[in-house]
PDB file of N, CA and C in Angstrom:
ATOM      1  N   UNK A   1      16.721  35.118   1.398  1.00  0.00           N
ATOM      2  CA  UNK A   1      15.279  34.567   1.932  1.00  0.00           C
ATOM      3  C   UNK A   1      15.196  33.677   1.207  1.00  0.00           C
ATOM      4  N   UNK A   2      14.624  32.014   1.543  1.00  0.00           N
ATOM      5  CA  UNK A   2      14.414  31.092   0.770  1.00  0.00           C
ATOM      6  C   UNK A   2      12.904  31.275   0.188  1.00  0.00           C
ATOM      7  N   UNK A   3      12.794  30.911  -0.757  1.00  0.00           N
ATOM      8  CA  UNK A   3      11.625  30.631  -1.407  1.00  0.00           C
ATOM      9  C   UNK A   3      10.914  29.511  -0.900  1.00  0.00           C
ATOM     10  N   UNK A   4       9.458  29.432  -0.928  1.00  0.00           N
ATOM     11  CA  UNK A   4       8.726  28.311  -0.366  1.00  0.00           C
ATOM     12  C   UNK A   4       9.122  27.090  -1.217  1.00  0.00           C
ATOM     13  N   UNK A   5       8.837  27.300  -2.621  1.00  0.00           N
ATOM     14  CA  UNK A   5       9.059  26.353  -3.470  1.00  0.00           C
ATOM     15  C   UNK A   5      10.510  25.460  -3.151  1.00  0.00           C
ATOM     16  N   UNK A   6      11.870  26.397  -2.844  1.00  0.00           N
ATOM     17  CA  UNK A   6      12.892  25.713  -2.679  1.00  0.00           C
ATOM     18  C   UNK A   6      13.135  25.119  -1.590  1.00  0.00           C
ATOM     19  N   UNK A   7      12.356  25.266  -0.317  1.00  0.00           N
ATOM     20  CA  UNK A   7      12.238  24.649   0.623  1.00  0.00           C
ATOM     21  C   UNK A   7      11.472  23.844   0.645  1.00  0.00           C
ATOM     22  N   UNK A   8      10.703  23.225  -0.296  1.00  0.00           N
ATOM     23  CA  UNK A   8       9.782  22.005  -0.397  1.00  0.00           C
ATOM     24  C   UNK A   8       8.690  22.406   1.020  1.00  0.00           C
ATOM     25  N   UNK A   9       8.202  23.565   1.134  1.00  0.00           N
ATOM     26  CA  UNK A   9       7.026  23.765   2.230  1.00  0.00           C
ATOM     27  C   UNK A   9       5.902  23.347   1.720  1.00  0.00           C
ATOM     28  N   UNK A  10       5.661  23.728  -0.059  1.00  0.00           N
ATOM     29  CA  UNK A  10       4.540  23.629  -0.760  1.00  0.00           C
ATOM     30  C   UNK A  10       4.273  22.130  -0.946  1.00  0.00           C
ATOM     31  N   UNK A  11       5.580  21.471  -1.448  1.00  0.00           N
ATOM     32  CA  UNK A  11       5.069  20.138  -1.352  1.00  0.00           C
ATOM     33  C   UNK A  11       4.534  19.190  -0.629  1.00  0.00           C
ATOM     34  N   UNK A  12       4.966  19.684   0.722  1.00  0.00           N
ATOM     35  CA  UNK A  12       4.921  18.871   2.007  1.00  0.00           C
ATOM     36  C   UNK A  12       3.364  19.150   2.457  1.00  0.00           C
ATOM     37  N   UNK A  13       2.919  20.432   2.158  1.00  0.00           N
ATOM     38  CA  UNK A  13       1.592  21.096   2.136  1.00  0.00           C
ATOM     39  C   UNK A  13       0.526  20.089   1.605  1.00  0.00           C
ATOM     40  N   UNK A  14       0.989  20.141   0.443  1.00  0.00           N
ATOM     41  CA  UNK A  14      -0.172  19.419  -0.830  1.00  0.00           C
ATOM     42  C   UNK A  14       0.072  17.850  -0.391  1.00  0.00           C
ATOM     43  N   UNK A  15       0.999  16.994   0.090  1.00  0.00           N
ATOM     44  CA  UNK A  15       1.366  15.588   0.447  1.00  0.00           C
ATOM     45  C   UNK A  15      -0.023  15.448   1.395  1.00  0.00           C
ATOM     46  N   UNK A  16       0.559  16.461   2.543  1.00  0.00           N
ATOM     47  CA  UNK A  16      -0.330  16.162   3.864  1.00  0.00           C
ATOM     48  C   UNK A  16      -2.085  16.594   2.971  1.00  0.00           C
ATOM     49  N   UNK A  17      -2.628  17.546   2.464  1.00  0.00           N
ATOM     50  CA  UNK A  17      -3.735  17.761   2.387  1.00  0.00           C
ATOM     51  C   UNK A  17      -4.176  16.538   1.521  1.00  0.00           C
ATOM     52  N   UNK A  18      -3.420  15.945   0.169  1.00  0.00           N
ATOM     53  CA  UNK A  18      -4.061  14.945  -0.418  1.00  0.00           C
ATOM     54  C   UNK A  18      -4.085  13.594   0.213  1.00  0.00           C
ATOM     55  N   UNK A  19      -3.344  13.287   1.597  1.00  0.00           N
ATOM     56  CA  UNK A  19      -3.591  12.102   2.411  1.00  0.00           C
ATOM     57  C   UNK A  19      -4.799  12.175   3.213  1.00  0.00           C
ATOM     58  N   UNK A  20      -5.224  13.548   3.610  1.00  0.00           N
ATOM     59  CA  UNK A  20      -6.428  13.918   4.097  1.00  0.00           C
ATOM     60  C   UNK A  20      -7.357  13.692   3.389  1.00  0.00           C
ATOM     61  N   UNK A  21      -7.392  14.081   1.627  1.00  0.00           N
ATOM     62  CA  UNK A  21      -8.680  14.166   1.088  1.00  0.00           C
ATOM     63  C   UNK A  21      -8.507  12.206   0.664  1.00  0.00           C
ATOM     64  N   UNK A  22      -7.785  11.643   0.328  1.00  0.00           N
ATOM     65  CA  UNK A  22      -8.084  10.362   0.026  1.00  0.00           C
ATOM     66  C   UNK A  22      -8.542   9.251   1.190  1.00  0.00           C
ATOM     67  N   UNK A  23      -8.408   9.833   2.234  1.00  0.00           N
ATOM     68  CA  UNK A  23      -8.840   9.298   3.337  1.00  0.00           C
ATOM     69  C   UNK A  23     -10.174   9.280   4.101  1.00  0.00           C
ATOM     70  N   UNK A  24     -10.310  10.536   3.694  1.00  0.00           N
ATOM     71  CA  UNK A  24     -12.075  10.896   3.431  1.00  0.00           C
ATOM     72  C   UNK A  24     -12.982  10.211   2.352  1.00  0.00           C
ATOM     73  N   UNK A  25     -12.121  10.319   1.174  1.00  0.00           N
ATOM     74  CA  UNK A  25     -12.798  10.005  -0.140  1.00  0.00           C
ATOM     75  C   UNK A  25     -13.007   7.840   0.632  1.00  0.00           C
ATOM     76  N   UNK A  26     -12.265   7.245   1.455  1.00  0.00           N
ATOM     77  CA  UNK A  26     -12.054   6.029   1.688  1.00  0.00           C
ATOM     78  C   UNK A  26     -13.441   5.918   2.728  1.00  0.00           C
ATOM     79  N   UNK A  27     -13.031   6.896   3.663  1.00  0.00           N
ATOM     80  CA  UNK A  27     -14.096   7.005   4.863  1.00  0.00           C
ATOM     81  C   UNK A  27     -15.358   6.738   4.182  1.00  0.00           C
ATOM     82  N   UNK A  28     -15.656   8.054   3.096  1.00  0.00           N
ATOM     83  CA  UNK A  28     -17.332   7.619   2.846  1.00  0.00           C
ATOM     84  C   UNK A  28     -17.789   6.673   2.258  1.00  0.00           C
ATOM     85  N   UNK A  29     -16.913   5.759   1.636  1.00  0.00           N
ATOM     86  CA  UNK A  29     -17.099   4.552   1.049  1.00  0.00           C
ATOM     87  C   UNK A  29     -17.576   3.154   2.077  1.00  0.00           C
ATOM     88  N   UNK A  30     -17.111   3.766   3.233  1.00  0.00           N
ATOM     89  CA  UNK A  30     -16.945   3.010   4.452  1.00  0.00           C
ATOM     90  C   UNK A  30     -16.075   1.908   4.688  1.00  0.00           C
ATOM     91  N   UNK A  31     -14.811   2.206   4.017  1.00  0.00           N
ATOM     92  CA  UNK A  31     -13.577   1.436   3.930  1.00  0.00           C
ATOM     93  C   UNK A  31     -12.412   2.251   5.161  1.00  0.00           C
ATOM     94  N   UNK A  32     -12.113   1.141   5.997  1.00  0.00           N
ATOM     95  CA  UNK A  32     -11.571   1.237   6.859  1.00  0.00           C
ATOM     96  C   UNK A  32     -10.142   1.481   6.540  1.00  0.00           C
ATOM     97  N   UNK A  33      -9.599   3.023   6.770  1.00  0.00           N
ATOM     98  CA  UNK A  33      -7.905   3.383   6.400  1.00  0.00           C
ATOM     99  C   UNK A  33      -7.042   2.415   7.166  1.00  0.00           C
ATOM    100  N   UNK A  34      -6.198   1.826   6.651  1.00  0.00           N
ATOM    101  CA  UNK A  34      -5.029   1.681   7.369  1.00  0.00           C
ATOM    102  C   UNK A  34      -3.770   2.099   7.137  1.00  0.00           C
ATOM    103  N   UNK A  35      -3.521   3.832   7.059  1.00  0.00           N
ATOM    104  CA  UNK A  35      -2.469   4.150   6.701  1.00  0.00           C
ATOM    105  C   UNK A  35      -2.138   4.974   7.867  1.00  0.00           C
ATOM    106  N   UNK A  36      -0.733   4.677   8.487  1.00  0.00           N
ATOM    107  CA  UNK A  36      -0.460   5.265   9.754  1.00  0.00           C
ATOM    108  C   UNK A  36       0.007   6.752   9.620  1.00  0.00           C
ATOM    109  N   UNK A  37      -0.531   7.828  10.571  1.00  0.00           N
ATOM    110  CA  UNK A  37       0.209   9.231  10.261  1.00  0.00           C
ATOM    111  C   UNK A  37       1.527   8.871  10.770  1.00  0.00           C
ATOM    112  N   UNK A  38       2.092  10.207  10.396  1.00  0.00           N
ATOM    113  CA  UNK A  38       3.541  10.503  10.339  1.00  0.00           C
ATOM    114  C   UNK A  38       3.938  10.747  12.239  1.00  0.00           C
ATOM    115  N   UNK A  39       5.001  10.650  12.574  1.00  0.00           N
ATOM    116  CA  UNK A  39       5.015  10.824  13.823  1.00  0.00           C
ATOM    117  C   UNK A  39       4.986  12.386  14.252  1.00  0.00           C
ATOM    118  N   UNK A  40       5.386  13.478  13.459  1.00  0.00           N
ATOM    119  CA  UNK A  40       5.288  14.887  13.654  1.00  0.00           C
ATOM    120  C   UNK A  40       4.080  15.299  13.308  1.00  0.00           C
ATOM    121  N   UNK A  41       2.909  14.607  12.786  1.00  0.00           N
ATOM    122  CA  UNK A  41       1.806  15.042  12.729  1.00  0.00           C
ATOM    123  C   UNK A  41       1.148  15.489  13.534  1.00  0.00           C
ATOM    124  N   UNK A  42       0.923  16.839  14.063  1.00  0.00           N
ATOM    125  CA  UNK A  42       0.075  17.278  15.008  1.00  0.00           C
ATOM    126  C   UNK A  42      -1.119  16.663  15.956  1.00  0.00           C
ATOM    127  N   UNK A  43      -2.684  15.968  14.797  1.00  0.00           N
ATOM    128  CA  UNK A  43      -3.479  15.574  15.129  1.00  0.00           C
ATOM    129  C   UNK A  43      -3.341  14.427  14.532  1.00  0.00           C
ATOM    130  N   UNK A  44      -2.655  13.310  15.334  1.00  0.00           N
ATOM    131  CA  UNK A  44      -2.495  11.963  14.753  1.00  0.00           C
ATOM    132  C   UNK A  44      -3.811  10.913  14.710  1.00  0.00           C
ATOM    133  N   UNK A  45      -3.737  10.324  13.545  1.00  0.00           N
ATOM    134  CA  UNK A  45      -5.144   9.429  13.514  1.00  0.00           C
ATOM    135  C   UNK A  45      -4.655   8.573  14.162  1.00  0.00           C
ATOM    136  N   UNK A  46      -6.073   7.462  14.420  1.00  0.00           N
ATOM    137  CA  UNK A  46      -6.141   6.461  15.327  1.00  0.00           C
ATOM    138  C   UNK A  46      -6.324   5.183  14.296  1.00  0.00           C
ATOM    139  N   UNK A  47      -5.114   4.431  14.430  1.00  0.00           N
ATOM    140  CA  UNK A  47      -5.503   3.089  13.105  1.00  0.00           C
ATOM    141  C   UNK A  47      -5.279   1.878  14.118  1.00  0.00           C
ATOM    142  N   UNK A  48      -5.823   0.207  13.657  1.00  0.00           N
ATOM    143  CA  UNK A  48      -6.323  -0.811  14.329  1.00  0.00           C
ATOM    144  C   UNK A  48      -4.987  -1.516  13.852  1.00  0.00           C
ATOM    145  N   UNK A  49      -4.247  -2.031  14.686  1.00  0.00           N
ATOM    146  CA  UNK A  49      -2.786  -2.262  14.633  1.00  0.00           C
ATOM    147  C   UNK A  49      -2.748  -3.655  14.218  1.00  0.00           C
ATOM    148  N   UNK A  50      -4.038  -4.510  14.694  1.00  0.00           N
ATOM    149  CA  UNK A  50      -4.134  -5.495  14.267  1.00  0.00           C
ATOM    150  C   UNK A  50      -4.497  -5.872  12.158  1.00  0.00           C
ATOM    151  N   UNK A  51      -5.321  -4.650  11.916  1.00  0.00           N
ATOM    152  CA  UNK A  51      -5.695  -4.710  10.559  1.00  0.00           C
ATOM    153  C   UNK A  51      -3.997  -3.822  10.160  1.00  0.00           C
ATOM    154  N   UNK A  52      -3.056  -3.000  10.850  1.00  0.00           N
ATOM    155  CA  UNK A  52      -2.107  -3.125  10.127  1.00  0.00           C
ATOM    156  C   UNK A  52      -1.247  -4.207   9.823  1.00  0.00           C
ATOM    157  N   UNK A  53      -1.040  -5.414  10.871  1.00  0.00           N
ATOM    158  CA  UNK A  53      -0.303  -6.077  11.029  1.00  0.00           C
ATOM    159  C   UNK A  53      -0.566  -7.033   9.504  1.00  0.00           C
ATOM    160  N   UNK A  54      -2.126  -7.509   9.292  1.00  0.00           N
ATOM    161  CA  UNK A  54      -2.661  -7.870   8.098  1.00  0.00           C
ATOM    162  C   UNK A  54      -2.055  -7.302   6.957  1.00  0.00           C
ATOM    163  N   UNK A  55      -2.125  -6.181   6.783  1.00  0.00           N
ATOM    164  CA  UNK A  55      -2.154  -5.400   5.859  1.00  0.00           C
ATOM    165  C   UNK A  55      -0.551  -5.549   5.298  1.00  0.00           C
ATOM    166  N   UNK A  56       0.662  -5.358   6.461  1.00  0.00           N
ATOM    167  CA  UNK A  56       1.941  -5.499   6.368  1.00  0.00           C
ATOM    168  C   UNK A  56       2.134  -7.001   5.655  1.00  0.00           C
ATOM    169  N   UNK A  57       1.562  -8.219   6.016  1.00  0.00           N
ATOM    170  CA  UNK A  57       1.586  -9.180   5.953  1.00  0.00           C
ATOM    171  C   UNK A  57       1.118  -9.608   4.276  1.00  0.00           C
ATOM    172  N   UNK A  58       0.361  -9.154   3.921  1.00  0.00           N
ATOM    173  CA  UNK A  58      -0.421  -8.720   2.366  1.00  0.00           C
ATOM    174  C   UNK A  58       0.602  -8.556   1.620  1.00  0.00           C
ATOM    175  N   UNK A  59       1.030  -7.343   1.806  1.00  0.00           N
ATOM    176  CA  UNK A  59       2.134  -6.336   1.047  1.00  0.00           C
ATOM    177  C   UNK A  59       3.424  -7.369   1.000  1.00  0.00           C
ATOM    178  N   UNK A  60       3.801  -8.048   1.956  1.00  0.00           N
ATOM    179  CA  UNK A  60       4.924  -8.526   1.970  1.00  0.00           C
ATOM    180  C   UNK A  60       4.818  -9.325   0.609  1.00  0.00           C
ATOM    181  N   UNK A  61       3.971 -10.349   1.124  1.00  0.00           N
ATOM    182  CA  UNK A  61       3.489 -11.496  -0.045  1.00  0.00           C
ATOM    183  C   UNK A  61       3.390 -11.162  -1.585  1.00  0.00           C
ATOM    184  N   UNK A  62       2.592 -10.050  -1.449  1.00  0.00           N
ATOM    185  CA  UNK A  62       2.561  -9.352  -2.937  1.00  0.00           C
ATOM    186  C   UNK A  62       3.917  -9.180  -3.619  1.00  0.00           C
ATOM    187  N   UNK A  63       4.353  -8.416  -2.749  1.00  0.00           N
ATOM    188  CA  UNK A  63       6.537  -7.909  -2.754  1.00  0.00           C
ATOM    189  C   UNK A  63       7.105  -9.263  -3.577  1.00  0.00           C
ATOM    190  N   UNK A  64       7.094 -10.455  -2.792  1.00  0.00           N
ATOM    191  CA  UNK A  64       7.449 -11.707  -3.108  1.00  0.00           C
ATOM    192  C   UNK A  64       7.258 -12.730  -4.452  1.00  0.00           C
ATOM    193  N   UNK A  65       5.235 -12.097  -4.568  1.00  0.00           N
ATOM    194  CA  UNK A  65       5.041 -12.763  -6.176  1.00  0.00           C
ATOM    195  C   UNK A  65       5.789 -11.779  -6.638  1.00  0.00           C
ATOM    196  N   UNK A  66       6.186 -10.523  -6.686  1.00  0.00           N
ATOM    197  CA  UNK A  66       6.330  -9.790  -8.046  1.00  0.00           C
ATOM    198  C   UNK A  66       7.846 -10.500  -8.243  1.00  0.00           C
ATOM    199  N   UNK A  67       8.607 -10.946  -7.289  1.00  0.00           N
ATOM    200  CA  UNK A  67       9.788 -11.355  -8.114  1.00  0.00           C
ATOM    201  C   UNK A  67       9.619 -12.506  -9.216  1.00  0.00           C
ATOM    202  N   UNK A  68       8.511 -13.146  -9.655  1.00  0.00           N
ATOM    203  CA  UNK A  68       8.707 -14.275 -10.459  1.00  0.00           C
ATOM    204  C   UNK A  68       8.224 -13.413 -11.982  1.00  0.00           C
ATOM    205  N   UNK A  69       8.703 -13.062 -12.814  1.00  0.00           N
ATOM    206  CA  UNK A  69       8.466 -12.304 -13.695  1.00  0.00           C
ATOM    207  C   UNK A  69       7.523 -12.778 -14.468  1.00  0.00           C
ATOM    208  N   UNK A  70       6.922 -13.814 -14.961  1.00  0.00           N
ATOM    209  CA  UNK A  70       5.515 -14.200 -15.211  1.00  0.00           C
ATOM    210  C   UNK A  70       4.155 -14.134 -14.704  1.00  0.00           C
ATOM    211  N   UNK A  71       4.467 -13.509 -13.110  1.00  0.00           N
ATOM    212  CA  UNK A  71       3.422 -13.386 -12.253  1.00  0.00           C
ATOM    213  C   UNK A  71       3.416 -11.487 -12.487  1.00  0.00           C
ATOM    214  N   UNK A  72       4.543 -11.203 -12.210  1.00  0.00           N
ATOM    215  CA  UNK A  72       4.579  -9.751 -12.051  1.00  0.00           C
ATOM    216  C   UNK A  72       3.906  -8.809 -13.163  1.00  0.00           C
ATOM    217  N   UNK A  73       4.517  -9.835 -14.745  1.00  0.00           N
ATOM    218  CA  UNK A  73       3.738  -8.827 -15.963  1.00  0.00           C
ATOM    219  C   UNK A  73       2.314  -9.782 -16.265  1.00  0.00           C
ATOM    220  N   UNK A  74       1.962 -10.569 -15.477  1.00  0.00           N
ATOM    221  CA  UNK A  74       0.271 -11.506 -15.856  1.00  0.00           C
ATOM    222  C   UNK A  74       0.751 -11.603 -17.371  1.00  0.00           C
ATOM    223  N   UNK A  75       1.649 -12.060 -17.688  1.00  0.00           N
ATOM    224  CA  UNK A  75       2.018 -12.858 -19.377  1.00  0.00           C
ATOM    225  C   UNK A  75       1.017 -14.047 -19.128  1.00  0.00           C
ATOM    226  N   UNK A  76       0.527 -14.576 -18.955  1.00  0.00           N
ATOM    227  CA  UNK A  76      -0.964 -15.566 -18.879  1.00  0.00           C
ATOM    228  C   UNK A  76      -2.139 -14.906 -20.015  1.00  0.00           C
ATOM    229  N   UNK A  77      -2.598 -15.398 -20.417  1.00  0.00           N
ATOM    230  CA  UNK A  77      -3.623 -14.744 -20.985  1.00  0.00           C
ATOM    231  C   UNK A  77      -5.030 -14.728 -20.176  1.00  0.00           C
ATOM    232  N   UNK A  78      -5.166 -16.652 -19.841  1.00  0.00           N
ATOM    233  CA  UNK A  78      -6.330 -17.283 -19.067  1.00  0.00           C
ATOM    234  C   UNK A  78      -6.161 -16.908 -17.889  1.00  0.00           C
ATOM    235  N   UNK A  79      -7.280 -16.713 -16.919  1.00  0.00           N
ATOM    236  CA  UNK A  79      -7.260 -16.418 -15.745  1.00  0.00           C
ATOM    237  C   UNK A  79      -6.894 -17.501 -14.758  1.00  0.00           C
ATOM    238  N   UNK A  80      -6.860 -18.705 -15.339  1.00  0.00           N
ATOM    239  CA  UNK A  80      -6.996 -20.116 -14.175  1.00  0.00           C
ATOM    240  C   UNK A  80      -6.061 -20.573 -14.459  1.00  0.00           C
ATOM    241  N   UNK A  81      -4.978 -20.158 -15.683  1.00  0.00           N
ATOM    242  CA  UNK A  81      -3.093 -20.530 -15.774  1.00  0.00           C
ATOM    243  C   UNK A  81      -2.496 -19.622 -15.042  1.00  0.00           C
ATOM    244  N   UNK A  82      -3.189 -18.031 -14.806  1.00  0.00           N
ATOM    245  CA  UNK A  82      -2.584 -17.060 -13.853  1.00  0.00           C
ATOM    246  C   UNK A  82      -2.522 -17.882 -12.349  1.00  0.00           C
ATOM    247  N   UNK A  83      -3.945 -18.154 -11.964  1.00  0.00           N
ATOM    248  CA  UNK A  83      -4.092 -18.548 -10.833  1.00  0.00           C
ATOM    249  C   UNK A  83      -3.564 -19.507 -10.398  1.00  0.00           C
ATOM    250  N   UNK A  84      -2.910 -20.852 -11.313  1.00  0.00           N
ATOM    251  CA  UNK A  84      -2.363 -21.884 -10.920  1.00  0.00           C
ATOM    252  C   UNK A  84      -1.079 -21.564 -10.767  1.00  0.00           C
ATOM    253  N   UNK A  85      -0.342 -20.532 -11.280  1.00  0.00           N
ATOM    254  CA  UNK A  85       0.965 -20.060 -11.489  1.00  0.00           C
ATOM    255  C   UNK A  85       0.972 -19.312  -9.799  1.00  0.00           C
ATOM    256  N   UNK A  86       0.130 -18.263  -9.396  1.00  0.00           N
ATOM    257  CA  UNK A  86       0.116 -18.118  -8.184  1.00  0.00           C
ATOM    258  C   UNK A  86       0.281 -18.854  -7.064  1.00  0.00           C
ATOM    259  N   UNK A  87      -0.654 -20.020  -7.398  1.00  0.00           N
ATOM    260  CA  UNK A  87      -0.658 -21.130  -6.371  1.00  0.00           C
ATOM    261  C   UNK A  87       0.850 -22.075  -6.158  1.00  0.00           C
ATOM    262  N   UNK A  88       1.079 -22.253  -7.319  1.00  0.00           N
ATOM    263  CA  UNK A  88       2.152 -22.769  -7.673  1.00  0.00           C
ATOM    264  C   UNK A  88       3.424 -22.303  -6.815  1.00  0.00           C
ATOM    265  N   UNK A  89       3.521 -20.869  -7.174  1.00  0.00           N
ATOM    266  CA  UNK A  89       4.554 -19.997  -6.161  1.00  0.00           C
ATOM    267  C   UNK A  89       4.531 -19.921  -4.717  1.00  0.00           C
ATOM    268  N   UNK A  90       3.001 -19.662  -4.393  1.00  0.00           N
ATOM    269  CA  UNK A  90       2.534 -19.916  -3.169  1.00  0.00           C
ATOM    270  C   UNK A  90       3.296 -21.150  -2.248  1.00  0.00           C
ATOM    271  N   UNK A  91       2.866 -22.251  -2.744  1.00  0.00           N
ATOM    272  CA  UNK A  91       3.154 -23.552  -2.308  1.00  0.00           C
ATOM    273  C   UNK A  91       5.004 -23.618  -2.340  1.00  0.00           C
ATOM    274  N   UNK A  92       5.484 -22.657  -3.198  1.00  0.00           N
ATOM    275  CA  UNK A  92       7.064 -22.769  -2.902  1.00  0.00           C
ATOM    276  C   UNK A  92       7.474 -21.795  -1.825  1.00  0.00           C
ATOM    277  N   UNK A  93       6.991 -20.859  -1.904  1.00  0.00           N
ATOM    278  CA  UNK A  93       6.803 -19.860  -0.673  1.00  0.00           C
ATOM    279  C   UNK A  93       6.765 -20.414   0.868  1.00  0.00           C
ATOM    280  N   UNK A  94       6.044 -21.577   1.212  1.00  0.00           N
ATOM    281  CA  UNK A  94       5.190 -22.346   2.000  1.00  0.00           C
ATOM    282  C   UNK A  94       6.326 -23.442   2.402  1.00  0.00           C
ATOM    283  N   UNK A  95       7.189 -23.500   1.710  1.00  0.00           N
ATOM    284  CA  UNK A  95       8.258 -24.577   1.896  1.00  0.00           C
ATOM    285  C   UNK A  95       9.707 -24.031   2.349  1.00  0.00           C
ATOM    286  N   UNK A  96       9.794 -23.008   1.798  1.00  0.00           N
ATOM    287  CA  UNK A  96      10.886 -22.356   2.182  1.00  0.00           C
ATOM    288  C   UNK A  96      10.785 -21.340   3.408  1.00  0.00           C
TER     289      UNK A  96
END
């Protein structure tokens, strides 16, 4: 007989509950969650696909920004210098 811990059942239940509580906290603060539910979920959440696409664009842009070590580690002490570096890298992305 398999134990619950070995089969990963407890981990899946905790992940499911953590996602639900996180989404509830977001909704309490009047933030629209753009987290799609899993395919096998019995009661799936409705999300706005337009917001999901915008979120995806921002996530991909931040992932590309992290390729530059100085921006990823925020090695600049001044906010203006950091912002200039982000704008410079953004211009490079626009030309590529």
